[in-house]
Amino acid sequence: MPIYLIYLAVFFALPVAILWAVYKKEFSKYKKTILWSLFFVFTLGWFWDWMSYKTEVWKYDSAKTAGVWISGIPIEEFIGFYLFGTLLILSVILTVRKYVSRS
């Protein structure tokens, strides 16, 4: 059972979906920032995970993943942490920025 994917969906994708549903217009102003952030997270994050996997700093339990791997890294890592994790951090920052700039 892909418990890792379920975990990531509940704690990353769901909050991102809610924040984007509420602040879509506000977030759309920052398309370049969001795309550049995703680019750097995907490139540097992948390299970091790949090196950690190759040097056996950490391992993934294949029983808890969907079973789809890219260079030894489960697809959940790309979808959950790289994509939705980055979007969640950016969404929270942009939301806080919106309300702090009102003061």
C-alpha atoms as a PDB file:
ATOM      1  CA  MET A   1       0.000   0.000   0.000  1.00  0.00           C
ATOM      2  CA  PRO A   2       1.454   3.386  -0.938  1.00  0.00           C
ATOM      3  CA  ILE A   3       1.116   4.838   2.568  1.00  0.00           C
ATOM      4  CA  TYR A   4       3.857   7.350   1.776  1.00  0.00           C
ATOM      5  CA  LEU A   5       1.772   8.772  -1.088  1.00  0.00           C
ATOM      6  CA  ILE A   6      -1.317   8.981   1.127  1.00  0.00           C
ATOM      7  CA  TYR A   7       0.668  10.796   3.796  1.00  0.00           C
ATOM      8  CA  LEU A   8       2.002  13.291   1.271  1.00  0.00           C
ATOM      9  CA  ALA A   9      -1.449  13.849  -0.225  1.00  0.00           C
ATOM     10  CA  VAL A  10      -3.012  14.616   3.162  1.00  0.00           C
ATOM     11  CA  PHE A  11      -0.256  16.814   4.574  1.00  0.00           C
ATOM     12  CA  PHE A  12       1.036  18.506   1.411  1.00  0.00           C
ATOM     13  CA  ALA A  13      -1.390  18.324  -1.518  1.00  0.00           C
ATOM     14  CA  LEU A  14      -4.580  19.027   0.457  1.00  0.00           C
ATOM     15  CA  PRO A  15      -3.307  22.251   2.099  1.00  0.00           C
ATOM     16  CA  VAL A  16      -1.886  23.411  -1.261  1.00  0.00           C
ATOM     17  CA  ALA A  17      -5.230  22.775  -2.957  1.00  0.00           C
ATOM     18  CA  ILE A  18      -7.077  24.726  -0.273  1.00  0.00           C
ATOM     19  CA  LEU A  19      -4.667  27.671  -0.348  1.00  0.00           C
ATOM     20  CA  TRP A  20      -4.725  27.807  -4.155  1.00  0.00           C
ATOM     21  CA  ALA A  21      -8.518  27.631  -4.216  1.00  0.00           C
ATOM     22  CA  VAL A  22      -8.686  30.641  -1.905  1.00  0.00           C
ATOM     23  CA  TYR A  23      -5.753  32.715  -3.232  1.00  0.00           C
ATOM     24  CA  LYS A  24      -5.420  31.655  -6.877  1.00  0.00           C
ATOM     25  CA  LYS A  25      -5.621  35.219  -8.168  1.00  0.00           C
ATOM     26  CA  GLU A  26      -2.974  36.419  -5.728  1.00  0.00           C
ATOM     27  CA  PHE A  27      -0.616  33.491  -6.425  1.00  0.00           C
ATOM     28  CA  SER A  28      -0.901  33.847 -10.193  1.00  0.00           C
ATOM     29  CA  LYS A  29       1.042  37.108  -9.917  1.00  0.00           C
ATOM     30  CA  TYR A  30       4.103  35.095  -8.889  1.00  0.00           C
ATOM     31  CA  LYS A  31       4.302  32.546 -11.730  1.00  0.00           C
ATOM     32  CA  LYS A  32       7.993  33.151 -12.439  1.00  0.00           C
ATOM     33  CA  THR A  33       8.930  32.899  -8.777  1.00  0.00           C
ATOM     34  CA  ILE A  34       7.003  29.653  -8.428  1.00  0.00           C
ATOM     35  CA  LEU A  35       8.498  28.142 -11.591  1.00  0.00           C
ATOM     36  CA  TRP A  36      12.058  29.086 -10.661  1.00  0.00           C
ATOM     37  CA  SER A  37      11.559  27.690  -7.163  1.00  0.00           C
ATOM     38  CA  LEU A  38      10.286  24.409  -8.581  1.00  0.00           C
ATOM     39  CA  PHE A  39      13.186  24.272 -11.038  1.00  0.00           C
ATOM     40  CA  PHE A  40      15.802  24.649  -8.310  1.00  0.00           C
ATOM     41  CA  VAL A  41      14.076  22.264  -5.928  1.00  0.00           C
ATOM     42  CA  PHE A  42      13.719  19.604  -8.607  1.00  0.00           C
ATOM     43  CA  THR A  43      17.341  19.891  -9.751  1.00  0.00           C
ATOM     44  CA  LEU A  44      19.073  20.384  -6.408  1.00  0.00           C
ATOM     45  CA  GLY A  45      16.600  18.263  -4.460  1.00  0.00           C
ATOM     46  CA  TRP A  46      16.940  15.376  -6.859  1.00  0.00           C
ATOM     47  CA  PHE A  47      20.735  15.552  -6.725  1.00  0.00           C
ATOM     48  CA  TRP A  48      20.662  15.697  -2.916  1.00  0.00           C
ATOM     49  CA  ASP A  49      18.319  12.704  -2.653  1.00  0.00           C
ATOM     50  CA  TRP A  50      20.230  10.749  -5.277  1.00  0.00           C
ATOM     51  CA  MET A  51      23.551  11.312  -3.490  1.00  0.00           C
ATOM     52  CA  SER A  52      22.000  10.396  -0.149  1.00  0.00           C
ATOM     53  CA  TYR A  53      20.544   7.235  -1.647  1.00  0.00           C
ATOM     54  CA  LYS A  54      23.770   6.236  -3.427  1.00  0.00           C
ATOM     55  CA  THR A  55      25.910   6.803  -0.330  1.00  0.00           C
ATOM     56  CA  GLU A  56      23.299   4.978   1.778  1.00  0.00           C
ATOM     57  CA  VAL A  57      22.676   7.932   4.083  1.00  0.00           C
ATOM     58  CA  TRP A  58      19.030   6.931   3.867  1.00  0.00           C
ATOM     59  CA  LYS A  59      16.856   4.325   2.244  1.00  0.00           C
ATOM     60  CA  TYR A  60      13.220   4.109   1.258  1.00  0.00           C
ATOM     61  CA  ASP A  61      10.951   1.287   2.403  1.00  0.00           C
ATOM     62  CA  SER A  62       9.623  -0.083  -0.886  1.00  0.00           C
ATOM     63  CA  ALA A  63       6.662  -1.699   0.897  1.00  0.00           C
ATOM     64  CA  LYS A  64       5.267   1.749   1.704  1.00  0.00           C
ATOM     65  CA  THR A  65       5.724   3.299  -1.721  1.00  0.00           C
ATOM     66  CA  ALA A  66       3.861   2.993  -5.013  1.00  0.00           C
ATOM     67  CA  GLY A  67       6.753   1.011  -6.471  1.00  0.00           C
ATOM     68  CA  VAL A  68       7.685   3.529  -9.167  1.00  0.00           C
ATOM     69  CA  TRP A  69      11.328   4.599  -8.848  1.00  0.00           C
ATOM     70  CA  ILE A  70      13.484   7.134 -10.693  1.00  0.00           C
ATOM     71  CA  SER A  71      17.225   6.705 -10.041  1.00  0.00           C
ATOM     72  CA  GLY A  72      16.516   4.949  -6.762  1.00  0.00           C
ATOM     73  CA  ILE A  73      14.117   7.622  -5.561  1.00  0.00           C
ATOM     74  CA  PRO A  74      10.383   6.867  -5.245  1.00  0.00           C
ATOM     75  CA  ILE A  75       8.016   8.868  -7.424  1.00  0.00           C
ATOM     76  CA  GLU A  76       6.318  10.068  -4.235  1.00  0.00           C
ATOM     77  CA  GLU A  77       9.429  12.064  -3.402  1.00  0.00           C
ATOM     78  CA  PHE A  78       9.165  13.968  -6.685  1.00  0.00           C
ATOM     79  CA  ILE A  79       5.422  14.548  -6.408  1.00  0.00           C
ATOM     80  CA  GLY A  80       5.140  15.055  -2.669  1.00  0.00           C
ATOM     81  CA  PHE A  81       8.228  16.857  -1.501  1.00  0.00           C
ATOM     82  CA  TYR A  82       9.576  18.468  -4.640  1.00  0.00           C
ATOM     83  CA  LEU A  83       6.266  19.600  -6.133  1.00  0.00           C
ATOM     84  CA  PHE A  84       3.717  19.898  -3.332  1.00  0.00           C
ATOM     85  CA  GLY A  85       6.243  20.590  -0.578  1.00  0.00           C
ATOM     86  CA  THR A  86       7.643  23.515  -2.530  1.00  0.00           C
ATOM     87  CA  LEU A  87       4.174  24.764  -3.443  1.00  0.00           C
ATOM     88  CA  LEU A  88       3.080  24.540   0.194  1.00  0.00           C
ATOM     89  CA  ILE A  89       6.047  26.568   1.429  1.00  0.00           C
ATOM     90  CA  LEU A  90       5.582  29.185  -1.296  1.00  0.00           C
ATOM     91  CA  SER A  91       1.834  29.339  -0.684  1.00  0.00           C
ATOM     92  CA  VAL A  92       2.280  29.925   3.019  1.00  0.00           C
ATOM     93  CA  ILE A  93       4.952  32.569   2.409  1.00  0.00           C
ATOM     94  CA  LEU A  94       2.805  34.386  -0.157  1.00  0.00           C
ATOM     95  CA  THR A  95      -0.243  34.209   2.101  1.00  0.00           C
ATOM     96  CA  VAL A  96       1.662  35.613   5.081  1.00  0.00           C
ATOM     97  CA  ARG A  97       3.239  38.250   2.846  1.00  0.00           C
ATOM     98  CA  LYS A  98      -0.192  39.337   1.685  1.00  0.00           C
ATOM     99  CA  TYR A  99      -1.443  39.901   5.230  1.00  0.00           C
ATOM    100  CA  VAL A 100       1.773  41.377   6.614  1.00  0.00           C
ATOM    101  CA  SER A 101       1.966  43.917   3.784  1.00  0.00           C
ATOM    102  CA  ARG A 102      -1.514  45.160   4.742  1.00  0.00           C
ATOM    103  CA  SER A 103      -0.201  46.406   8.088  1.00  0.00           C
END
